[in-house]
Amino acid sequence: MNEDDVFLGRFKSCVYNSETSFEFEQEWQSIITDFGLQNNAWLSQLHDIREMWIPDYFRDLFWEQF
């Protein structure tokens, strides 16, 4: 996947350009389907913890500076 420019472009766009969680979920599922990654354990694990790393899921949280 790291060497597939089309996949990487869509993946990065999905992560960084999704403005809502609904938009992210739609594009995520589209990528998974289009690239036949339904059984990819790593991507499944990433999706399970998406609230921790997808910007849209924590966009409205206040980040305290230390």
Protein backbone atom coordinates (compact mmCIF):
# COMPACT_ATOMS: atom_id res chain seq x y z
CA MET A 1 0.00 0.00 0.00
CA ASN A 2 2.90 2.36 0.74
CA GLU A 3 4.01 2.25 -2.85
CA ASP A 4 0.59 2.73 -4.46
CA ASP A 5 0.30 6.46 -5.16
CA VAL A 6 -3.42 6.26 -5.89
CA PHE A 7 -4.13 4.48 -2.61
CA LEU A 8 -1.92 6.87 -0.63
CA GLY A 9 -3.54 9.90 -2.21
CA ARG A 10 -7.04 8.70 -1.41
CA PHE A 11 -6.05 7.55 2.08
CA LYS A 12 -4.46 10.88 2.97
CA SER A 13 -7.37 12.81 1.53
CA CYS A 14 -9.80 10.68 3.51
CA VAL A 15 -7.90 11.28 6.74
CA TYR A 16 -7.03 14.95 6.38
CA ASN A 17 -9.76 16.38 4.14
CA SER A 18 -12.90 14.79 5.56
CA GLU A 19 -14.95 17.51 7.18
CA THR A 20 -17.37 15.25 9.01
CA SER A 21 -17.23 11.78 10.48
CA PHE A 22 -19.93 10.74 7.99
CA GLU A 23 -17.78 11.91 5.08
CA PHE A 24 -14.78 10.07 6.53
CA GLU A 25 -16.76 6.83 6.93
CA GLN A 26 -18.11 6.97 3.38
CA GLU A 27 -14.68 7.53 1.86
CA TRP A 28 -13.03 4.96 4.13
CA GLN A 29 -15.49 2.29 3.03
CA SER A 30 -15.06 3.30 -0.59
CA ILE A 31 -11.26 2.93 -0.32
CA ILE A 32 -11.54 -0.43 1.44
CA THR A 33 -13.89 -1.71 -1.26
CA ASP A 34 -12.05 -0.24 -4.25
CA PHE A 35 -8.70 -1.71 -3.17
CA GLY A 36 -10.08 -5.03 -1.88
CA LEU A 37 -8.87 -4.44 1.67
CA GLN A 38 -11.84 -5.86 3.57
CA ASN A 39 -9.62 -8.46 5.30
CA ASN A 40 -6.66 -6.20 6.06
CA ALA A 41 -6.11 -6.53 9.81
CA TRP A 42 -3.96 -3.39 10.12
CA LEU A 43 -6.54 -1.15 8.46
CA SER A 44 -9.30 -2.75 10.53
CA GLN A 45 -7.37 -1.94 13.70
CA LEU A 46 -6.80 1.64 12.53
CA HIS A 47 -10.49 2.04 11.87
CA ASP A 48 -11.32 0.68 15.33
CA ILE A 49 -9.28 3.47 16.97
CA ARG A 50 -10.19 6.22 14.49
CA GLU A 51 -11.39 8.54 17.27
CA MET A 52 -7.76 8.75 18.40
CA TRP A 53 -6.12 9.75 15.12
CA ILE A 54 -8.65 11.07 12.58
CA PRO A 55 -8.66 14.88 12.90
CA ASP A 56 -12.41 15.26 12.43
CA TYR A 57 -13.13 13.10 15.47
CA PHE A 58 -11.27 15.44 17.82
CA ARG A 59 -11.49 18.73 15.90
CA ASP A 60 -13.77 20.36 18.49
CA LEU A 61 -11.76 19.35 21.54
CA PHE A 62 -9.82 21.97 23.43
CA TRP A 63 -6.12 21.16 23.59
CA GLU A 64 -4.39 22.45 26.67
CA GLN A 65 -0.81 23.57 26.18
CA PHE A 66 1.74 22.42 28.71
